[in-house]
Amino acid sequence: MKFLSETSTELRQMVRCLELYYRQQRSQKDIAKALGVSAATVSRWLKRAFAEGLVRVELDLPRTPRLEAALVNSYGLREAVVVASGGRGDIREEIGLAAAAYFEEVATDGMRIGLSCGFTLYQMIRYLRDRRFRGLSLYPLSGESTLRLVDLFPNTLVGMMAAKYRPHVTAHALPVQHLASLGEIERLRRRLVRDPEIRRIYEAAQDVDIALVGIGMIAEQTPGFCSLAESYGVSVKRLRQLGVVGEINYQPFNAEGKIVDEPELRALMRRILSVQADRLQALSKRRDRRVIAIAGGRSKIEAVRGALCGRFMNVLVTDADVASALTGR
């Protein structure tokens, strides 16, 4: 960090400046007097602290109970969390922050947690409080997609979440899949599930207490599902021709929430080992389970609507723009 190049005396003064300004709410004029420097110096230190990462600003946007109730009533959800829209930052970060707070309200020690993939889910994990829970067991809801593509896949996010709760956590992984034909995938699945440890992890992932899932949209240059589809020779244009509006845990669905089970998509959909859409639907029907979908932004309205119609989740964390479009409020 660049501050370390300063003399030790000036570094201590800058740290003291930050303490006085952010924690004691002192004015810059008072700080300058207390430290024996000019007000201009105090202003320069504060700007450098923000620019170089010593200070980070986190917005805790208000929730909108009216829209939350409208989503619950319109789509039969168990709960909804809706954060206010309109900030100039990345709304996915704000949704992630809200999802982290919600997760920490409903999770308890010893639970089994399943994770799918996506950037908003990554943002949620960022905001979880270190060592908040003990005895969690973490499971990927799908095996890694391929060795040729690297992204925020389930195994990766399981590892990130485990880092928050170490050493009091157990984290599991599912095998990596090379690009392969449907026949090869089926043969490899049968071979893998003969391994008792892999079968145990796979079965446990399908019966988690809380599943945390993202909702993917269908668009050009979109990491994850769309990039993987391209690897199988299925373009975004072709996905749209087939009626695909979104995906959840690599399961493509249409505007009515029906899984698009076309022959050319089956190798893409039927990961070696993954929790299928019908299992997410079954978990969502149970009062003792939560499937929490975390997604927002205007570009995802169509995908979120399709996922809600398919009842792939019983909790949605999103933003007010999406909630308004989905409920007409």
C-alpha atoms as a PDB file:
ATOM      1  CA  MET A   1       0.000   0.000   0.000  1.00  0.00           C
ATOM      2  CA  LYS A   2       1.359   3.412  -0.951  1.00  0.00           C
ATOM      3  CA  PHE A   3       0.981   4.879   2.526  1.00  0.00           C
ATOM      4  CA  LEU A   4       3.780   2.643   3.730  1.00  0.00           C
ATOM      5  CA  SER A   5       6.261   4.756   1.776  1.00  0.00           C
ATOM      6  CA  GLU A   6       5.579   7.660   4.133  1.00  0.00           C
ATOM      7  CA  THR A   7       7.734   8.223   7.193  1.00  0.00           C
ATOM      8  CA  SER A   8       6.563   6.375  10.277  1.00  0.00           C
ATOM      9  CA  THR A   9       5.659   9.678  11.968  1.00  0.00           C
ATOM     10  CA  GLU A  10       3.503  10.864   9.091  1.00  0.00           C
ATOM     11  CA  LEU A  11       1.912   7.419   8.738  1.00  0.00           C
ATOM     12  CA  ARG A  12       0.878   7.510  12.402  1.00  0.00           C
ATOM     13  CA  GLN A  13      -0.572  10.977  11.884  1.00  0.00           C
ATOM     14  CA  MET A  14      -2.593   9.816   8.881  1.00  0.00           C
ATOM     15  CA  VAL A  15      -3.986   6.864  10.828  1.00  0.00           C
ATOM     16  CA  ARG A  16      -4.867   9.207  13.699  1.00  0.00           C
ATOM     17  CA  CYS A  17      -6.527  11.538  11.186  1.00  0.00           C
ATOM     18  CA  LEU A  18      -8.752   8.696   9.948  1.00  0.00           C
ATOM     19  CA  GLU A  19      -9.669   7.711  13.504  1.00  0.00           C
ATOM     20  CA  LEU A  20     -10.670  11.266  14.388  1.00  0.00           C
ATOM     21  CA  TYR A  21     -12.632  11.878  11.202  1.00  0.00           C
ATOM     22  CA  TYR A  22     -14.494   8.594  10.719  1.00  0.00           C
ATOM     23  CA  ARG A  23     -14.864   7.261  14.243  1.00  0.00           C
ATOM     24  CA  GLN A  24     -15.058  10.424  16.343  1.00  0.00           C
ATOM     25  CA  GLN A  25     -16.799  12.543  13.687  1.00  0.00           C
ATOM     26  CA  ARG A  26     -14.415  15.460  14.204  1.00  0.00           C
ATOM     27  CA  SER A  27     -14.264  18.283  11.666  1.00  0.00           C
ATOM     28  CA  GLN A  28     -11.235  18.696   9.427  1.00  0.00           C
ATOM     29  CA  LYS A  29     -10.462  21.998  11.133  1.00  0.00           C
ATOM     30  CA  ASP A  30     -10.445  20.362  14.583  1.00  0.00           C
ATOM     31  CA  ILE A  31      -8.279  17.495  13.311  1.00  0.00           C
ATOM     32  CA  ALA A  32      -5.758  19.901  11.810  1.00  0.00           C
ATOM     33  CA  LYS A  33      -5.492  21.711  15.149  1.00  0.00           C
ATOM     34  CA  ALA A  34      -5.167  18.448  17.110  1.00  0.00           C
ATOM     35  CA  LEU A  35      -2.421  17.087  14.847  1.00  0.00           C
ATOM     36  CA  GLY A  36      -0.598  20.383  14.312  1.00  0.00           C
ATOM     37  CA  VAL A  37      -0.964  20.340  10.530  1.00  0.00           C
ATOM     38  CA  SER A  38      -2.826  22.457   7.997  1.00  0.00           C
ATOM     39  CA  ALA A  39      -6.448  21.819   6.998  1.00  0.00           C
ATOM     40  CA  ALA A  40      -5.185  21.223   3.449  1.00  0.00           C
ATOM     41  CA  THR A  41      -2.984  18.382   4.715  1.00  0.00           C
ATOM     42  CA  VAL A  42      -5.925  16.775   6.497  1.00  0.00           C
ATOM     43  CA  SER A  43      -7.999  17.008   3.307  1.00  0.00           C
ATOM     44  CA  ARG A  44      -5.172  15.438   1.282  1.00  0.00           C
ATOM     45  CA  TRP A  45      -4.841  12.534   3.740  1.00  0.00           C
ATOM     46  CA  LEU A  46      -8.558  11.823   3.645  1.00  0.00           C
ATOM     47  CA  LYS A  47      -8.626  11.809  -0.155  1.00  0.00           C
ATOM     48  CA  ARG A  48      -5.592   9.516  -0.336  1.00  0.00           C
ATOM     49  CA  ALA A  49      -7.093   7.153   2.220  1.00  0.00           C
ATOM     50  CA  PHE A  50     -10.190   6.728   0.083  1.00  0.00           C
ATOM     51  CA  ALA A  51      -8.266   6.479  -3.201  1.00  0.00           C
ATOM     52  CA  GLU A  52      -5.813   3.878  -1.890  1.00  0.00           C
ATOM     53  CA  GLY A  53      -8.341   1.648  -0.171  1.00  0.00           C
ATOM     54  CA  LEU A  54      -7.821   2.445   3.520  1.00  0.00           C
ATOM     55  CA  VAL A  55     -11.395   3.651   3.617  1.00  0.00           C
ATOM     56  CA  ARG A  56     -14.336   1.925   1.925  1.00  0.00           C
ATOM     57  CA  VAL A  57     -17.899   3.210   1.787  1.00  0.00           C
ATOM     58  CA  GLU A  58     -20.735   0.696   2.212  1.00  0.00           C
ATOM     59  CA  LEU A  59     -24.304   1.793   1.617  1.00  0.00           C
ATOM     60  CA  ASP A  60     -27.010   0.008   3.576  1.00  0.00           C
ATOM     61  CA  LEU A  61     -29.954   0.773   1.311  1.00  0.00           C
ATOM     62  CA  PRO A  62     -33.437   0.749   2.847  1.00  0.00           C
ATOM     63  CA  ARG A  63     -35.776  -2.134   2.129  1.00  0.00           C
ATOM     64  CA  THR A  64     -39.207  -1.595   0.594  1.00  0.00           C
ATOM     65  CA  PRO A  65     -41.827  -3.595   2.542  1.00  0.00           C
ATOM     66  CA  ARG A  66     -44.659  -2.716   0.125  1.00  0.00           C
ATOM     67  CA  LEU A  67     -42.851  -4.304  -2.812  1.00  0.00           C
ATOM     68  CA  GLU A  68     -41.745  -7.259  -0.682  1.00  0.00           C
ATOM     69  CA  ALA A  69     -45.373  -7.988   0.230  1.00  0.00           C
ATOM     70  CA  ALA A  70     -46.431  -7.591  -3.407  1.00  0.00           C
ATOM     71  CA  LEU A  71     -43.855 -10.148  -4.560  1.00  0.00           C
ATOM     72  CA  VAL A  72     -44.903 -12.623  -1.877  1.00  0.00           C
ATOM     73  CA  ASN A  73     -48.567 -12.261  -2.785  1.00  0.00           C
ATOM     74  CA  SER A  74     -48.051 -12.311  -6.548  1.00  0.00           C
ATOM     75  CA  TYR A  75     -45.733 -15.300  -6.742  1.00  0.00           C
ATOM     76  CA  GLY A  76     -46.436 -17.338  -3.624  1.00  0.00           C
ATOM     77  CA  LEU A  77     -43.040 -16.757  -2.102  1.00  0.00           C
ATOM     78  CA  ARG A  78     -42.195 -17.492   1.489  1.00  0.00           C
ATOM     79  CA  GLU A  79     -40.336 -14.181   1.817  1.00  0.00           C
ATOM     80  CA  ALA A  80     -38.899 -11.403  -0.330  1.00  0.00           C
ATOM     81  CA  VAL A  81     -36.155  -8.880   0.297  1.00  0.00           C
ATOM     82  CA  VAL A  82     -36.237  -5.765  -1.895  1.00  0.00           C
ATOM     83  CA  VAL A  83     -33.623  -3.025  -1.660  1.00  0.00           C
ATOM     84  CA  ALA A  84     -34.186   0.501  -2.941  1.00  0.00           C
ATOM     85  CA  SER A  85     -32.937   1.303  -6.451  1.00  0.00           C
ATOM     86  CA  GLY A  86     -31.500   4.522  -7.770  1.00  0.00           C
ATOM     87  CA  GLY A  87     -27.969   4.547  -6.390  1.00  0.00           C
ATOM     88  CA  ARG A  88     -25.065   5.214  -8.706  1.00  0.00           C
ATOM     89  CA  GLY A  89     -23.135   2.115  -7.647  1.00  0.00           C
ATOM     90  CA  ASP A  90     -23.459  -1.495  -8.780  1.00  0.00           C
ATOM     91  CA  ILE A  91     -26.890  -2.707  -7.660  1.00  0.00           C
ATOM     92  CA  ARG A  92     -25.540  -6.258  -7.470  1.00  0.00           C
ATOM     93  CA  GLU A  93     -23.334  -5.191  -4.591  1.00  0.00           C
ATOM     94  CA  GLU A  94     -26.318  -3.773  -2.715  1.00  0.00           C
ATOM     95  CA  ILE A  95     -28.358  -6.902  -3.369  1.00  0.00           C
ATOM     96  CA  GLY A  96     -25.442  -8.997  -2.149  1.00  0.00           C
ATOM     97  CA  LEU A  97     -25.259  -6.962   1.051  1.00  0.00           C
ATOM     98  CA  ALA A  98     -28.997  -7.418   1.653  1.00  0.00           C
ATOM     99  CA  ALA A  99     -28.738 -11.143   0.918  1.00  0.00           C
ATOM    100  CA  ALA A 100     -25.902 -11.515   3.422  1.00  0.00           C
ATOM    101  CA  ALA A 101     -27.980  -9.809   6.117  1.00  0.00           C
ATOM    102  CA  TYR A 102     -30.988 -12.017   5.329  1.00  0.00           C
ATOM    103  CA  PHE A 103     -28.889 -15.194   5.329  1.00  0.00           C
ATOM    104  CA  GLU A 104     -27.481 -14.308   8.739  1.00  0.00           C
ATOM    105  CA  GLU A 105     -31.026 -13.841  10.050  1.00  0.00           C
ATOM    106  CA  VAL A 106     -32.277 -17.261   8.969  1.00  0.00           C
ATOM    107  CA  ALA A 107     -29.196 -19.500   9.121  1.00  0.00           C
ATOM    108  CA  THR A 108     -28.207 -21.328  12.291  1.00  0.00           C
ATOM    109  CA  ASP A 109     -25.190 -23.316  13.419  1.00  0.00           C
ATOM    110  CA  GLY A 110     -24.884 -26.785  11.944  1.00  0.00           C
ATOM    111  CA  MET A 111     -26.941 -26.168   8.789  1.00  0.00           C
ATOM    112  CA  ARG A 112     -26.224 -27.616   5.360  1.00  0.00           C
ATOM    113  CA  ILE A 113     -25.805 -24.837   2.783  1.00  0.00           C
ATOM    114  CA  GLY A 114     -25.790 -25.251  -1.006  1.00  0.00           C
ATOM    115  CA  LEU A 115     -24.289 -22.747  -3.434  1.00  0.00           C
ATOM    116  CA  SER A 116     -24.763 -22.250  -7.152  1.00  0.00           C
ATOM    117  CA  CYS A 117     -22.801 -19.565  -8.990  1.00  0.00           C
ATOM    118  CA  GLY A 118     -22.735 -15.962 -10.160  1.00  0.00           C
ATOM    119  CA  PHE A 119     -21.415 -12.493  -9.392  1.00  0.00           C
ATOM    120  CA  THR A 120     -24.274 -11.388  -7.133  1.00  0.00           C
ATOM    121  CA  LEU A 121     -23.825 -14.515  -5.024  1.00  0.00           C
ATOM    122  CA  TYR A 122     -20.128 -13.660  -4.814  1.00  0.00           C
ATOM    123  CA  GLN A 123     -21.090 -10.205  -3.527  1.00  0.00           C
ATOM    124  CA  MET A 124     -23.241 -11.809  -0.839  1.00  0.00           C
ATOM    125  CA  ILE A 125     -20.324 -13.927   0.351  1.00  0.00           C
ATOM    126  CA  ARG A 126     -18.112 -10.827   0.518  1.00  0.00           C
ATOM    127  CA  TYR A 127     -20.447  -9.268   3.090  1.00  0.00           C
ATOM    128  CA  LEU A 128     -20.858 -12.267   5.379  1.00  0.00           C
ATOM    129  CA  ARG A 129     -19.410 -11.697   8.820  1.00  0.00           C
ATOM    130  CA  ASP A 130     -16.328 -13.735   9.676  1.00  0.00           C
ATOM    131  CA  ARG A 131     -16.872 -16.648  12.074  1.00  0.00           C
ATOM    132  CA  ARG A 132     -20.581 -15.830  12.341  1.00  0.00           C
ATOM    133  CA  PHE A 133     -21.588 -19.524  12.348  1.00  0.00           C
ATOM    134  CA  ARG A 134     -20.169 -22.822  13.537  1.00  0.00           C
ATOM    135  CA  GLY A 135     -20.540 -26.269  12.105  1.00  0.00           C
ATOM    136  CA  LEU A 136     -21.886 -25.326   8.681  1.00  0.00           C
ATOM    137  CA  SER A 137     -21.535 -27.889   5.896  1.00  0.00           C
ATOM    138  CA  LEU A 138     -21.138 -26.264   2.480  1.00  0.00           C
ATOM    139  CA  TYR A 139     -21.981 -27.998  -0.797  1.00  0.00           C
ATOM    140  CA  PRO A 140     -21.747 -26.960  -4.468  1.00  0.00           C
ATOM    141  CA  LEU A 141     -25.063 -27.381  -6.262  1.00  0.00           C
ATOM    142  CA  SER A 142     -23.193 -28.347  -9.421  1.00  0.00           C
ATOM    143  CA  GLY A 143     -19.812 -29.713 -10.352  1.00  0.00           C
ATOM    144  CA  GLU A 144     -17.317 -27.363 -11.923  1.00  0.00           C
ATOM    145  CA  SER A 145     -18.193 -26.724 -15.554  1.00  0.00           C
ATOM    146  CA  THR A 146     -14.938 -27.275 -17.396  1.00  0.00           C
ATOM    147  CA  LEU A 147     -11.210 -26.892 -17.090  1.00  0.00           C
ATOM    148  CA  ARG A 148     -11.251 -24.505 -20.063  1.00  0.00           C
ATOM    149  CA  LEU A 149     -13.441 -21.841 -18.486  1.00  0.00           C
ATOM    150  CA  VAL A 150     -12.805 -20.151 -15.152  1.00  0.00           C
ATOM    151  CA  ASP A 151     -15.505 -18.133 -13.423  1.00  0.00           C
ATOM    152  CA  LEU A 152     -17.405 -17.850 -10.150  1.00  0.00           C
ATOM    153  CA  PHE A 153     -18.553 -21.452 -10.255  1.00  0.00           C
ATOM    154  CA  PRO A 154     -20.026 -23.352  -7.271  1.00  0.00           C
ATOM    155  CA  ASN A 155     -16.801 -24.999  -6.066  1.00  0.00           C
ATOM    156  CA  THR A 156     -15.100 -21.590  -6.094  1.00  0.00           C
ATOM    157  CA  LEU A 157     -17.857 -19.922  -4.074  1.00  0.00           C
ATOM    158  CA  VAL A 158     -17.948 -22.804  -1.588  1.00  0.00           C
ATOM    159  CA  GLY A 159     -14.253 -22.203  -0.942  1.00  0.00           C
ATOM    160  CA  MET A 160     -14.793 -18.459  -0.507  1.00  0.00           C
ATOM    161  CA  MET A 161     -17.660 -18.978   1.918  1.00  0.00           C
ATOM    162  CA  ALA A 162     -15.672 -21.575   3.855  1.00  0.00           C
ATOM    163  CA  ALA A 163     -12.916 -19.009   4.340  1.00  0.00           C
ATOM    164  CA  LYS A 164     -15.412 -16.821   6.233  1.00  0.00           C
ATOM    165  CA  TYR A 165     -16.133 -19.514   8.813  1.00  0.00           C
ATOM    166  CA  ARG A 166     -12.849 -21.365   9.194  1.00  0.00           C
ATOM    167  CA  PRO A 167     -11.981 -23.397  11.160  1.00  0.00           C
ATOM    168  CA  HIS A 168     -15.551 -24.276  12.178  1.00  0.00           C
ATOM    169  CA  VAL A 169     -16.868 -25.321   8.754  1.00  0.00           C
ATOM    170  CA  THR A 170     -16.836 -28.328   6.440  1.00  0.00           C
ATOM    171  CA  ALA A 171     -16.628 -27.610   2.723  1.00  0.00           C
ATOM    172  CA  HIS A 172     -17.154 -30.081  -0.118  1.00  0.00           C
ATOM    173  CA  ALA A 173     -16.527 -30.078  -3.863  1.00  0.00           C
ATOM    174  CA  LEU A 174     -17.916 -31.922  -6.875  1.00  0.00           C
ATOM    175  CA  PRO A 175     -15.750 -33.078  -9.789  1.00  0.00           C
ATOM    176  CA  VAL A 176     -14.679 -30.989 -12.745  1.00  0.00           C
ATOM    177  CA  GLN A 177     -16.230 -31.816 -16.099  1.00  0.00           C
ATOM    178  CA  HIS A 178     -14.321 -31.692 -19.356  1.00  0.00           C
ATOM    179  CA  LEU A 179     -16.274 -30.711 -22.448  1.00  0.00           C
ATOM    180  CA  ALA A 180     -17.930 -33.946 -23.519  1.00  0.00           C
ATOM    181  CA  SER A 181     -20.840 -35.486 -25.351  1.00  0.00           C
ATOM    182  CA  LEU A 182     -24.031 -36.428 -23.532  1.00  0.00           C
ATOM    183  CA  GLY A 183     -23.097 -40.105 -23.765  1.00  0.00           C
ATOM    184  CA  GLU A 184     -19.705 -39.462 -22.214  1.00  0.00           C
ATOM    185  CA  ILE A 185     -21.300 -37.402 -19.453  1.00  0.00           C
ATOM    186  CA  GLU A 186     -23.750 -40.176 -18.595  1.00  0.00           C
ATOM    187  CA  ARG A 187     -21.003 -42.813 -18.493  1.00  0.00           C
ATOM    188  CA  LEU A 188     -18.809 -40.632 -16.310  1.00  0.00           C
ATOM    189  CA  ARG A 189     -21.701 -39.864 -13.943  1.00  0.00           C
ATOM    190  CA  ARG A 190     -22.363 -43.558 -13.420  1.00  0.00           C
ATOM    191  CA  ARG A 191     -18.692 -44.150 -12.705  1.00  0.00           C
ATOM    192  CA  LEU A 192     -18.445 -41.240 -10.268  1.00  0.00           C
ATOM    193  CA  VAL A 193     -21.511 -42.116  -8.203  1.00  0.00           C
ATOM    194  CA  ARG A 194     -20.041 -45.553  -7.555  1.00  0.00           C
ATOM    195  CA  ASP A 195     -17.506 -43.740  -5.381  1.00  0.00           C
ATOM    196  CA  PRO A 196     -19.109 -43.663  -1.885  1.00  0.00           C
ATOM    197  CA  GLU A 197     -17.669 -40.253  -0.938  1.00  0.00           C
ATOM    198  CA  ILE A 198     -18.748 -38.550  -4.160  1.00  0.00           C
ATOM    199  CA  ARG A 199     -22.200 -40.122  -3.902  1.00  0.00           C
ATOM    200  CA  ARG A 200     -22.539 -38.916  -0.303  1.00  0.00           C
ATOM    201  CA  ILE A 201     -21.660 -35.316  -1.281  1.00  0.00           C
ATOM    202  CA  TYR A 202     -23.943 -35.423  -4.319  1.00  0.00           C
ATOM    203  CA  GLU A 203     -26.910 -36.709  -2.325  1.00  0.00           C
ATOM    204  CA  ALA A 204     -26.335 -34.232   0.506  1.00  0.00           C
ATOM    205  CA  ALA A 205     -26.253 -31.323  -1.980  1.00  0.00           C
ATOM    206  CA  GLN A 206     -29.794 -32.225  -3.014  1.00  0.00           C
ATOM    207  CA  ASP A 207     -31.151 -31.975   0.520  1.00  0.00           C
ATOM    208  CA  VAL A 208     -29.573 -28.811   1.921  1.00  0.00           C
ATOM    209  CA  ASP A 209     -31.321 -26.639   4.498  1.00  0.00           C
ATOM    210  CA  ILE A 210     -30.598 -23.465   2.517  1.00  0.00           C
ATOM    211  CA  ALA A 211     -29.793 -23.270  -1.193  1.00  0.00           C
ATOM    212  CA  LEU A 212     -28.298 -19.988  -2.405  1.00  0.00           C
ATOM    213  CA  VAL A 213     -28.748 -19.557  -6.139  1.00  0.00           C
ATOM    214  CA  GLY A 214     -28.209 -16.930  -8.782  1.00  0.00           C
ATOM    215  CA  ILE A 215     -30.432 -16.349 -11.808  1.00  0.00           C
ATOM    216  CA  GLY A 216     -28.612 -15.977 -15.104  1.00  0.00           C
ATOM    217  CA  MET A 217     -29.838 -13.942 -18.069  1.00  0.00           C
ATOM    218  CA  ILE A 218     -29.319 -14.795 -21.723  1.00  0.00           C
ATOM    219  CA  ALA A 219     -27.078 -12.189 -23.317  1.00  0.00           C
ATOM    220  CA  GLU A 220     -23.928 -11.828 -25.374  1.00  0.00           C
ATOM    221  CA  GLN A 221     -20.612 -11.898 -23.510  1.00  0.00           C
ATOM    222  CA  THR A 222     -22.259 -13.102 -20.299  1.00  0.00           C
ATOM    223  CA  PRO A 223     -19.972 -15.259 -18.128  1.00  0.00           C
ATOM    224  CA  GLY A 224     -21.176 -18.603 -16.825  1.00  0.00           C
ATOM    225  CA  PHE A 225     -24.018 -20.362 -18.607  1.00  0.00           C
ATOM    226  CA  CYS A 226     -23.889 -18.426 -21.879  1.00  0.00           C
ATOM    227  CA  SER A 227     -20.117 -18.770 -22.169  1.00  0.00           C
ATOM    228  CA  LEU A 228     -20.417 -22.470 -21.459  1.00  0.00           C
ATOM    229  CA  ALA A 229     -23.186 -22.794 -24.058  1.00  0.00           C
ATOM    230  CA  GLU A 230     -20.871 -21.278 -26.648  1.00  0.00           C
ATOM    231  CA  SER A 231     -18.329 -23.993 -25.784  1.00  0.00           C
ATOM    232  CA  TYR A 232     -20.957 -26.588 -26.704  1.00  0.00           C
ATOM    233  CA  GLY A 233     -21.709 -24.800 -29.973  1.00  0.00           C
ATOM    234  CA  VAL A 234     -24.963 -23.197 -28.775  1.00  0.00           C
ATOM    235  CA  SER A 235     -25.012 -19.450 -29.400  1.00  0.00           C
ATOM    236  CA  VAL A 236     -26.978 -16.842 -27.480  1.00  0.00           C
ATOM    237  CA  LYS A 237     -29.031 -16.322 -30.648  1.00  0.00           C
ATOM    238  CA  ARG A 238     -29.884 -20.025 -30.697  1.00  0.00           C
ATOM    239  CA  LEU A 239     -30.801 -20.033 -27.006  1.00  0.00           C
ATOM    240  CA  ARG A 240     -33.255 -17.224 -27.682  1.00  0.00           C
ATOM    241  CA  GLN A 241     -34.690 -19.083 -30.688  1.00  0.00           C
ATOM    242  CA  LEU A 242     -35.376 -21.991 -28.346  1.00  0.00           C
ATOM    243  CA  GLY A 243     -37.256 -19.633 -26.025  1.00  0.00           C
ATOM    244  CA  VAL A 244     -34.674 -19.555 -23.233  1.00  0.00           C
ATOM    245  CA  VAL A 245     -34.970 -16.399 -21.103  1.00  0.00           C
ATOM    246  CA  GLY A 246     -32.786 -17.401 -18.160  1.00  0.00           C
ATOM    247  CA  GLU A 247     -31.048 -20.192 -16.274  1.00  0.00           C
ATOM    248  CA  ILE A 248     -30.760 -21.394 -12.721  1.00  0.00           C
ATOM    249  CA  ASN A 249     -27.950 -23.780 -11.747  1.00  0.00           C
ATOM    250  CA  TYR A 250     -27.321 -24.476 -15.472  1.00  0.00           C
ATOM    251  CA  GLN A 251     -30.995 -25.279 -16.086  1.00  0.00           C
ATOM    252  CA  PRO A 252     -32.377 -23.118 -18.957  1.00  0.00           C
ATOM    253  CA  PHE A 253     -36.019 -22.074 -18.703  1.00  0.00           C
ATOM    254  CA  ASN A 254     -38.523 -20.142 -20.786  1.00  0.00           C
ATOM    255  CA  ALA A 255     -40.803 -17.219 -19.934  1.00  0.00           C
ATOM    256  CA  GLU A 256     -43.370 -19.563 -18.360  1.00  0.00           C
ATOM    257  CA  GLY A 257     -40.767 -21.117 -16.086  1.00  0.00           C
ATOM    258  CA  LYS A 258     -40.612 -24.405 -18.006  1.00  0.00           C
ATOM    259  CA  ILE A 259     -37.254 -26.113 -18.455  1.00  0.00           C
ATOM    260  CA  VAL A 260     -36.200 -25.999 -22.112  1.00  0.00           C
ATOM    261  CA  ASP A 261     -35.171 -29.633 -22.588  1.00  0.00           C
ATOM    262  CA  GLU A 262     -34.061 -29.638 -26.204  1.00  0.00           C
ATOM    263  CA  PRO A 263     -31.622 -32.304 -27.520  1.00  0.00           C
ATOM    264  CA  GLU A 264     -28.915 -29.755 -28.347  1.00  0.00           C
ATOM    265  CA  LEU A 265     -28.995 -28.426 -24.774  1.00  0.00           C
ATOM    266  CA  ARG A 266     -28.872 -31.706 -22.891  1.00  0.00           C
ATOM    267  CA  ALA A 267     -25.094 -32.046 -22.680  1.00  0.00           C
ATOM    268  CA  LEU A 268     -25.031 -28.453 -21.375  1.00  0.00           C
ATOM    269  CA  MET A 269     -27.854 -28.979 -18.873  1.00  0.00           C
ATOM    270  CA  ARG A 270     -27.018 -32.393 -17.523  1.00  0.00           C
ATOM    271  CA  ARG A 271     -23.842 -31.623 -15.717  1.00  0.00           C
ATOM    272  CA  ILE A 272     -21.996 -34.671 -14.448  1.00  0.00           C
ATOM    273  CA  LEU A 273     -23.347 -34.091 -10.953  1.00  0.00           C
ATOM    274  CA  SER A 274     -25.733 -31.237 -10.268  1.00  0.00           C
ATOM    275  CA  VAL A 275     -28.955 -30.410  -8.471  1.00  0.00           C
ATOM    276  CA  GLN A 276     -31.662 -30.345 -11.134  1.00  0.00           C
ATOM    277  CA  ALA A 277     -34.433 -27.769 -11.441  1.00  0.00           C
ATOM    278  CA  ASP A 278     -37.119 -30.165 -10.235  1.00  0.00           C
ATOM    279  CA  ARG A 279     -35.183 -30.689  -7.027  1.00  0.00           C
ATOM    280  CA  LEU A 280     -35.005 -26.930  -6.436  1.00  0.00           C
ATOM    281  CA  GLN A 281     -38.768 -26.823  -6.967  1.00  0.00           C
ATOM    282  CA  ALA A 282     -39.272 -29.647  -4.459  1.00  0.00           C
ATOM    283  CA  LEU A 283     -37.092 -27.928  -1.836  1.00  0.00           C
ATOM    284  CA  SER A 284     -38.988 -24.671  -2.414  1.00  0.00           C
ATOM    285  CA  LYS A 285     -42.273 -26.365  -1.465  1.00  0.00           C
ATOM    286  CA  ARG A 286     -40.983 -27.388   1.956  1.00  0.00           C
ATOM    287  CA  ARG A 287     -41.507 -25.095   4.923  1.00  0.00           C
ATOM    288  CA  ASP A 288     -38.306 -26.346   6.548  1.00  0.00           C
ATOM    289  CA  ARG A 289     -36.137 -25.443   3.539  1.00  0.00           C
ATOM    290  CA  ARG A 290     -35.189 -22.196   1.865  1.00  0.00           C
ATOM    291  CA  VAL A 291     -34.129 -21.753  -1.735  1.00  0.00           C
ATOM    292  CA  ILE A 292     -32.916 -18.156  -1.842  1.00  0.00           C
ATOM    293  CA  ALA A 293     -32.536 -16.645  -5.313  1.00  0.00           C
ATOM    294  CA  ILE A 294     -30.313 -13.559  -5.405  1.00  0.00           C
ATOM    295  CA  ALA A 295     -30.589 -11.469  -8.570  1.00  0.00           C
ATOM    296  CA  GLY A 296     -31.398  -7.964  -9.736  1.00  0.00           C
ATOM    297  CA  GLY A 297     -30.857  -5.172 -12.194  1.00  0.00           C
ATOM    298  CA  ARG A 298     -33.179  -4.157 -15.031  1.00  0.00           C
ATOM    299  CA  SER A 299     -31.427  -6.479 -17.480  1.00  0.00           C
ATOM    300  CA  LYS A 300     -32.566  -9.494 -15.445  1.00  0.00           C
ATOM    301  CA  ILE A 301     -36.280  -8.720 -15.216  1.00  0.00           C
ATOM    302  CA  GLU A 302     -37.268 -11.290 -17.834  1.00  0.00           C
ATOM    303  CA  ALA A 303     -35.068 -13.986 -16.313  1.00  0.00           C
ATOM    304  CA  VAL A 304     -36.277 -13.345 -12.769  1.00  0.00           C
ATOM    305  CA  ARG A 305     -39.905 -13.388 -13.897  1.00  0.00           C
ATOM    306  CA  GLY A 306     -39.396 -16.754 -15.611  1.00  0.00           C
ATOM    307  CA  ALA A 307     -37.695 -18.200 -12.531  1.00  0.00           C
ATOM    308  CA  LEU A 308     -40.572 -17.033 -10.342  1.00  0.00           C
ATOM    309  CA  CYS A 309     -43.106 -18.588 -12.708  1.00  0.00           C
ATOM    310  CA  GLY A 310     -41.169 -21.837 -12.480  1.00  0.00           C
ATOM    311  CA  ARG A 311     -41.212 -21.682  -8.656  1.00  0.00           C
ATOM    312  CA  PHE A 312     -37.540 -22.579  -8.479  1.00  0.00           C
ATOM    313  CA  MET A 313     -37.180 -20.603  -5.225  1.00  0.00           C
ATOM    314  CA  ASN A 314     -39.257 -19.630  -2.210  1.00  0.00           C
ATOM    315  CA  VAL A 315     -37.241 -16.515  -1.282  1.00  0.00           C
ATOM    316  CA  LEU A 316     -36.153 -13.741  -3.640  1.00  0.00           C
ATOM    317  CA  VAL A 317     -33.609 -11.012  -2.906  1.00  0.00           C
ATOM    318  CA  THR A 318     -33.755  -8.278  -5.547  1.00  0.00           C
ATOM    319  CA  ASP A 319     -34.066  -4.522  -6.103  1.00  0.00           C
ATOM    320  CA  ALA A 320     -37.032  -2.173  -6.344  1.00  0.00           C
ATOM    321  CA  ASP A 321     -36.819  -1.700 -10.129  1.00  0.00           C
ATOM    322  CA  VAL A 322     -37.133  -5.440 -10.706  1.00  0.00           C
ATOM    323  CA  ALA A 323     -39.829  -5.853  -8.048  1.00  0.00           C
ATOM    324  CA  SER A 324     -41.876  -2.983  -9.521  1.00  0.00           C
ATOM    325  CA  ALA A 325     -41.689  -4.460 -13.013  1.00  0.00           C
ATOM    326  CA  LEU A 326     -42.697  -7.895 -11.728  1.00  0.00           C
ATOM    327  CA  THR A 327     -45.664  -6.686  -9.681  1.00  0.00           C
ATOM    328  CA  GLY A 328     -46.824  -3.612 -11.586  1.00  0.00           C
ATOM    329  CA  ARG A 329     -46.468  -1.474  -8.467  1.00  0.00           C
END
